[in-house]
C-alpha cells in the first residue's frame, strides 16, 4: 500500500526565520491576513501557512510537500528534512523506536462530551510509518477530518495493538462525585487503557504518558498486568510518536462521541468551555431541563454555574 502524501507540516521557527519567510513570500506575491494567535496567515497553491506568535509554523494542504521542499527548506531552514523525519528522529531519539506504548487523553478541558483515553503500542516499523504519515500531537491539528483520517491509519498500522477507554458524561460525573479529583479520574482512565492494551500486547516493556499531578496516581490504579510494566511520565510526552498516536485516537473518539451527543439533543455541541459552550448549554437547559446537563456535560466545570446562574 502506497504511503499517502503528507498534507500537514509543523516546524518551530526563530523570529528571524519568520520574518525571512514573510519577506520571501511577499516578494512572490503571496497575500497575508491576520489570524488569532498568529503573526500572519497566507494561502496559495493548495496550501495554507500559519505563522503563530509562539514561533510554530503550520503548513497544511495538498501543496504542503512542494511548499516545504522548494520554499521553506532551501530558503529559510537551510536543510532538507521533509520525508526524512523518521530517519532523523531515529538518530536523535533511538529509544522512541524501541517497542513501547504511549497513553494520552482527550476531553479533559471540554465541558461537553466524554473523557477519552487511548493507549498505543509501537515498534520500530510502526513508529517509522507513523512519523512518515505526519503523526503528531493531536493539538497541532485543527481539522477534525485530518484527525479522523490519521486515526484510521493508526488503527491500520498498529493492527489492533491499541485500546480506547471512553468515560461518558454520566459516568464521569459519578466518578467525580466519588473521587472529587480530576487527576484521580485521569489516572484511573490511563490505567484502564494500559491494562486493556497489555491484554493484547503482554510483551510491551514500558509505557509513556504525560506528567499530571502525582506521578504515582497511574501506578496506584494499575492492576496485576500493569504492575510489572515500566511507567515513564514527563511533560510534553506527545513528542513521542506512541503518545502522539494515542492522542489522535483519543481525540478522534472524543469528536465522534461528542457529535453523537449533539445529534441526540439536535444541538451542535461546541468544544472547549467558551461563551459558545455556555450559550449551547443554556439552550439545552431551556429545552430539556437542567437535569439533562448531567448526561452531556462535566458538571464540576465552573461553566455549570454560569449556565445555571449560580456562579
Protein backbone atom coordinates (compact mmCIF):
# COMPACT_ATOMS: atom_id res chain seq x y z
CA UNK A 1 0.00 0.00 0.00
CA UNK A 2 1.46 3.38 -1.03
CA UNK A 3 2.10 5.89 1.72
CA UNK A 4 -0.20 8.93 1.32
CA UNK A 5 1.48 12.27 0.69
CA UNK A 6 1.79 14.39 3.81
CA UNK A 7 -0.71 17.22 3.89
CA UNK A 8 0.47 18.89 7.09
CA UNK A 9 3.79 20.02 8.50
CA UNK A 10 4.79 21.72 11.75
CA UNK A 11 8.11 23.45 12.34
CA UNK A 12 9.46 25.76 15.04
CA UNK A 13 10.93 28.96 13.59
CA UNK A 14 13.02 31.71 15.12
CA UNK A 15 11.73 35.31 14.85
CA UNK A 16 14.34 35.95 12.12
CA UNK A 17 13.12 32.91 10.18
CA UNK A 18 9.51 34.07 10.45
CA UNK A 19 10.48 37.47 9.02
CA UNK A 20 12.59 35.84 6.32
CA UNK A 21 9.71 33.60 5.22
CA UNK A 22 7.29 36.55 5.22
CA UNK A 23 9.60 38.66 3.06
CA UNK A 24 10.21 35.74 0.71
CA UNK A 25 6.51 35.04 0.19
CA UNK A 26 5.70 38.74 -0.03
CA UNK A 27 8.23 39.07 -2.82
CA UNK A 28 6.47 36.23 -4.65
CA UNK A 29 3.10 37.99 -4.41
CA UNK A 30 1.52 35.98 -1.58
CA UNK A 31 -1.21 37.87 0.28
CA UNK A 32 -1.30 37.93 4.07
CA UNK A 33 -4.16 38.16 6.56
CA UNK A 34 -4.33 38.40 10.37
CA UNK A 35 -5.27 35.32 12.36
CA UNK A 36 -5.82 34.57 16.09
CA UNK A 37 -2.56 33.96 17.98
CA UNK A 38 -0.59 34.34 14.76
CA UNK A 39 1.76 36.83 13.13
CA UNK A 40 0.03 36.14 9.83
CA UNK A 41 -1.82 33.66 7.67
CA UNK A 42 -1.43 33.13 3.92
CA UNK A 43 -2.80 30.69 1.36
CA UNK A 44 -1.99 29.82 -2.25
CA UNK A 45 -1.24 26.87 -4.49
CA UNK A 46 -3.28 24.38 -2.41
CA UNK A 47 -1.50 25.24 0.82
CA UNK A 48 -2.32 27.27 3.94
CA UNK A 49 0.54 28.66 6.02
CA UNK A 50 0.12 29.95 9.59
CA UNK A 51 2.97 31.64 11.48
CA UNK A 52 1.98 31.62 15.16
CA UNK A 53 3.33 34.09 17.70
CA UNK A 54 4.69 31.11 19.65
CA UNK A 55 7.12 30.51 16.78
CA UNK A 56 5.27 27.47 15.47
CA UNK A 57 4.76 27.36 11.70
CA UNK A 58 1.90 25.16 10.47
CA UNK A 59 1.64 24.21 6.79
CA UNK A 60 -1.48 22.36 5.61
CA UNK A 61 -3.00 21.29 2.32
CA UNK A 62 -2.17 19.22 -0.77
CA UNK A 63 0.61 21.65 -1.65
CA UNK A 64 2.47 21.01 1.63
CA UNK A 65 5.28 18.84 0.17
CA UNK A 66 6.13 21.36 -2.57
CA UNK A 67 5.99 24.33 -0.17
CA UNK A 68 8.28 22.68 2.38
CA UNK A 69 10.75 21.16 -0.08
CA UNK A 70 11.05 24.05 -2.54
CA UNK A 71 10.43 27.15 -0.40
CA UNK A 72 10.78 26.57 3.34
CA UNK A 73 13.72 24.18 3.48
CA UNK A 74 16.11 25.67 0.90
CA UNK A 75 15.39 29.36 1.55
CA UNK A 76 14.54 29.53 5.28
CA UNK A 77 15.66 26.40 7.15
CA UNK A 78 18.74 25.71 5.07
CA UNK A 79 18.39 21.94 5.43
CA UNK A 80 16.39 19.12 3.85
CA UNK A 81 14.32 17.20 6.40
CA UNK A 82 10.93 16.67 4.74
CA UNK A 83 10.34 12.98 4.10
CA UNK A 84 13.31 12.04 6.27
CA UNK A 85 11.68 12.75 9.64
CA UNK A 86 11.70 9.10 10.70
CA UNK A 87 15.38 8.62 9.86
CA UNK A 88 16.40 11.83 11.63
CA UNK A 89 14.20 11.10 14.62
CA UNK A 90 15.71 7.65 14.99
CA UNK A 91 19.18 9.17 15.04
CA UNK A 92 18.15 11.76 17.65
CA UNK A 93 15.86 9.57 19.81
CA UNK A 94 16.57 5.88 19.20
CA UNK A 95 14.52 4.87 22.27
CA UNK A 96 11.37 6.09 20.52
CA UNK A 97 11.75 3.24 18.03
CA UNK A 98 12.11 0.53 20.63
CA UNK A 99 8.92 -1.45 21.48
CA UNK A 100 6.81 0.57 23.91
CA UNK A 101 3.39 2.13 24.38
CA UNK A 102 2.08 5.66 24.77
CA UNK A 103 -1.07 6.81 26.52
CA UNK A 104 -2.93 10.11 26.29
CA UNK A 105 -6.39 11.58 26.76
CA UNK A 106 -8.89 13.93 25.14
CA UNK A 107 -11.88 15.80 26.53
CA UNK A 108 -10.36 16.83 29.86
CA UNK A 109 -10.78 20.52 29.05
CA UNK A 110 -14.09 20.15 27.18
CA UNK A 111 -17.31 20.88 29.06
CA UNK A 112 -19.43 18.74 26.76
CA UNK A 113 -18.70 15.13 25.92
CA UNK A 114 -16.73 12.26 27.42
CA UNK A 115 -13.22 11.87 28.74
CA UNK A 116 -11.43 9.51 26.35
CA UNK A 117 -8.10 7.80 26.98
CA UNK A 118 -6.15 5.77 24.43
CA UNK A 119 -3.02 3.62 24.58
CA UNK A 120 -0.99 2.65 21.51
CA UNK A 121 1.84 0.14 21.12
CA UNK A 122 4.62 0.82 18.59
CA UNK A 123 7.73 -0.95 17.42
CA UNK A 124 10.42 0.23 15.02
CA UNK A 125 8.42 -0.36 11.83
CA UNK A 126 5.13 1.12 13.05
CA UNK A 127 6.89 4.13 14.64
CA UNK A 128 8.65 4.91 11.36
CA UNK A 129 5.44 4.58 9.34
CA UNK A 130 3.52 6.84 11.71
CA UNK A 131 6.19 9.53 11.55
CA UNK A 132 6.20 9.36 7.75
CA UNK A 133 2.42 9.92 7.83
CA UNK A 134 2.88 13.03 9.97
CA UNK A 135 1.52 11.63 13.24
CA UNK A 136 1.98 14.30 15.91
CA UNK A 137 0.22 15.67 18.97
CA UNK A 138 -3.50 15.96 18.15
CA UNK A 139 -3.46 19.58 19.38
CA UNK A 140 -1.32 20.51 16.37
CA UNK A 141 -4.25 19.67 14.05
CA UNK A 142 -7.25 21.98 13.83
CA UNK A 143 -9.15 19.91 11.29
CA UNK A 144 -11.29 17.07 12.65
CA UNK A 145 -11.24 15.33 9.27
CA UNK A 146 -7.45 15.20 9.40
CA UNK A 147 -7.62 13.72 12.91
CA UNK A 148 -10.16 11.11 11.77
CA UNK A 149 -8.03 10.19 8.76
CA UNK A 150 -4.87 9.79 10.84
CA UNK A 151 -6.77 7.74 13.43
CA UNK A 152 -7.86 5.34 10.70
CA UNK A 153 -4.25 4.98 9.53
CA UNK A 154 -3.02 4.41 13.10
CA UNK A 155 -5.57 1.63 13.56
CA UNK A 156 -4.32 0.02 10.36
CA UNK A 157 -0.64 0.36 11.21
CA UNK A 158 -1.00 -0.99 14.75
CA UNK A 159 -3.10 -3.99 13.60
CA UNK A 160 -5.28 -3.74 16.69
CA UNK A 161 -2.49 -3.10 19.18
CA UNK A 162 -4.26 -0.17 20.81
CA UNK A 163 -7.01 0.39 23.35
CA UNK A 164 -9.55 3.14 23.91
CA UNK A 165 -11.42 3.87 27.14
CA UNK A 166 -14.31 6.33 26.99
CA UNK A 167 -15.97 7.69 30.12
CA UNK A 168 -19.30 9.25 29.17
CA UNK A 169 -20.55 12.36 30.98
CA UNK A 170 -22.90 10.48 33.32
CA UNK A 171 -20.18 8.03 34.38
CA UNK A 172 -17.65 10.86 34.59
CA UNK A 173 -19.92 12.84 36.91
CA UNK A 174 -20.43 9.79 39.13
CA UNK A 175 -16.67 9.29 39.33
CA UNK A 176 -16.12 12.96 40.16
CA UNK A 177 -18.81 12.82 42.86
CA UNK A 178 -16.90 9.89 44.36
CA UNK A 179 -13.27 10.94 43.80
CA UNK A 180 -13.64 14.75 43.73
CA UNK A 181 -10.36 14.96 41.84
CA UNK A 182 -9.84 15.16 38.07
CA UNK A 183 -6.31 13.75 38.28
CA UNK A 184 -7.57 10.64 40.08
CA UNK A 185 -10.14 10.08 37.33
CA UNK A 186 -7.45 10.64 34.72
CA UNK A 187 -5.10 8.23 36.46
CA UNK A 188 -7.82 5.58 36.63
CA UNK A 189 -8.64 6.04 32.92
CA UNK A 190 -4.97 5.85 31.90
CA UNK A 191 -4.53 2.70 33.95
CA UNK A 192 -7.57 1.03 32.33
CA UNK A 193 -6.28 1.87 28.84
CA UNK A 194 -2.86 0.44 29.71
CA UNK A 195 -4.34 -2.73 31.21
CA UNK A 196 -6.55 -3.28 28.15
CA UNK A 197 -3.57 -2.80 25.83
CA UNK A 198 -1.45 -5.26 27.81
CA UNK A 199 -4.08 -7.94 27.24
CA UNK A 200 -3.28 -7.60 23.52
CA UNK A 201 0.46 -6.96 23.83
CA UNK A 202 1.72 -8.57 27.06
CA UNK A 203 5.29 -8.25 25.76
CA UNK A 204 5.16 -4.43 26.00
CA UNK A 205 8.03 -3.44 28.37
CA UNK A 206 7.20 0.21 29.08
CA UNK A 207 4.59 2.90 28.63
CA UNK A 208 4.96 6.68 28.36
CA UNK A 209 2.42 9.28 29.44
CA UNK A 210 2.28 13.00 30.01
CA UNK A 211 3.03 14.22 33.53
CA UNK A 212 -0.05 15.24 35.50
CA UNK A 213 -0.44 15.57 39.25
CA UNK A 214 1.35 12.99 41.42
CA UNK A 215 3.18 10.55 39.11
CA UNK A 216 2.10 7.69 41.40
CA UNK A 217 -1.58 8.26 40.54
CA UNK A 218 -1.47 5.99 37.49
CA UNK A 219 0.81 3.43 39.16
CA UNK A 220 -1.60 3.01 42.07
CA UNK A 221 -4.53 2.47 39.69
CA UNK A 222 -2.77 -0.24 37.66
CA UNK A 223 -3.77 -3.84 38.28
CA UNK A 224 -1.82 -7.11 38.02
CA UNK A 225 -0.63 -6.79 34.41
CA UNK A 226 0.28 -3.13 34.72
CA UNK A 227 2.29 -3.53 37.93
CA UNK A 228 5.15 -5.14 36.01
CA UNK A 229 5.42 -2.52 33.27
CA UNK A 230 7.85 0.42 33.43
CA UNK A 231 5.84 3.64 33.54
CA UNK A 232 7.56 6.82 32.39
CA UNK A 233 5.91 10.20 32.82
CA UNK A 234 7.26 13.56 31.72
CA UNK A 235 5.98 16.93 30.40
CA UNK A 236 5.25 17.23 26.67
CA UNK A 237 5.29 13.46 26.27
CA UNK A 238 3.41 13.92 22.96
CA UNK A 239 6.81 14.36 21.34
CA UNK A 240 6.98 10.56 21.50
CA UNK A 241 5.23 9.02 18.48
CA UNK A 242 3.34 6.44 20.56
CA UNK A 243 1.90 9.14 22.82
CA UNK A 244 1.10 11.31 19.78
CA UNK A 245 -0.72 8.37 18.17
CA UNK A 246 -2.67 7.82 21.39
CA UNK A 247 -3.63 11.50 21.48
CA UNK A 248 -5.00 11.23 17.93
CA UNK A 249 -7.03 8.08 18.64
CA UNK A 250 -8.42 9.65 21.81
CA UNK A 251 -9.34 12.90 20.05
CA UNK A 252 -10.99 11.14 17.12
CA UNK A 253 -13.14 9.08 19.51
CA UNK A 254 -13.96 12.17 21.57
CA UNK A 255 -15.15 14.05 18.46
CA UNK A 256 -17.21 11.06 17.31
CA UNK A 257 -18.97 10.72 20.65
CA UNK A 258 -19.47 14.47 21.00
CA UNK A 259 -21.18 14.55 17.60
CA UNK A 260 -23.46 11.66 18.63
CA UNK A 261 -24.48 13.52 21.80
CA UNK A 262 -25.26 16.59 19.70
CA UNK A 263 -27.37 14.53 17.30
CA UNK A 264 -29.29 13.11 20.25
CA UNK A 265 -30.13 16.60 21.51
CA UNK A 266 -30.39 18.09 18.00
CA UNK A 267 -27.88 20.75 19.07
CA UNK A 268 -24.35 21.40 17.86
CA UNK A 269 -22.13 20.89 20.91
CA UNK A 270 -19.05 23.14 20.77
CA UNK A 271 -15.69 22.00 22.10
CA UNK A 272 -13.87 23.62 24.99
CA UNK A 273 -15.50 25.84 27.60
CA UNK A 274 -16.08 29.08 25.70
CA UNK A 275 -19.01 31.52 25.50
CA UNK A 276 -20.41 29.40 22.66
CA UNK A 277 -20.42 26.43 25.05
CA UNK A 278 -22.30 28.41 27.69
CA UNK A 279 -24.89 29.54 25.14
CA UNK A 280 -25.39 25.98 23.87
CA UNK A 281 -25.77 24.67 27.43
CA UNK A 282 -28.36 27.33 28.25
CA UNK A 283 -30.39 26.34 25.19
CA UNK A 284 -30.25 22.71 26.29
CA UNK A 285 -31.48 23.63 29.78
CA UNK A 286 -34.28 25.76 28.33
CA UNK A 287 -35.41 22.95 26.02
CA UNK A 288 -34.80 19.79 28.06
CA UNK A 289 -34.31 20.94 31.65
CA UNK A 290 -31.24 21.26 33.83
CA UNK A 291 -31.05 17.53 34.66
CA UNK A 292 -30.01 16.74 31.10
CA UNK A 293 -26.68 18.51 31.70
CA UNK A 294 -25.53 15.51 33.76
CA UNK A 295 -25.90 13.37 30.62
CA UNK A 296 -23.89 15.61 28.30
CA UNK A 297 -21.54 17.77 30.37
CA UNK A 298 -18.87 17.64 33.10
CA UNK A 299 -20.73 19.33 35.92
CA UNK A 300 -17.76 20.28 38.10
CA UNK A 301 -16.66 22.87 35.50
CA UNK A 302 -17.29 26.50 36.51
CA UNK A 303 -19.25 26.64 33.27
CA UNK A 304 -22.17 24.93 35.05
CA UNK A 305 -22.56 27.85 37.44
CA UNK A 306 -22.52 30.31 34.57
CA UNK A 307 -25.13 28.29 32.69
CA UNK A 308 -27.45 27.97 35.70
CA UNK A 309 -26.81 31.48 37.00
CA UNK A 310 -25.34 30.30 40.29
CA UNK A 311 -21.76 31.47 39.68
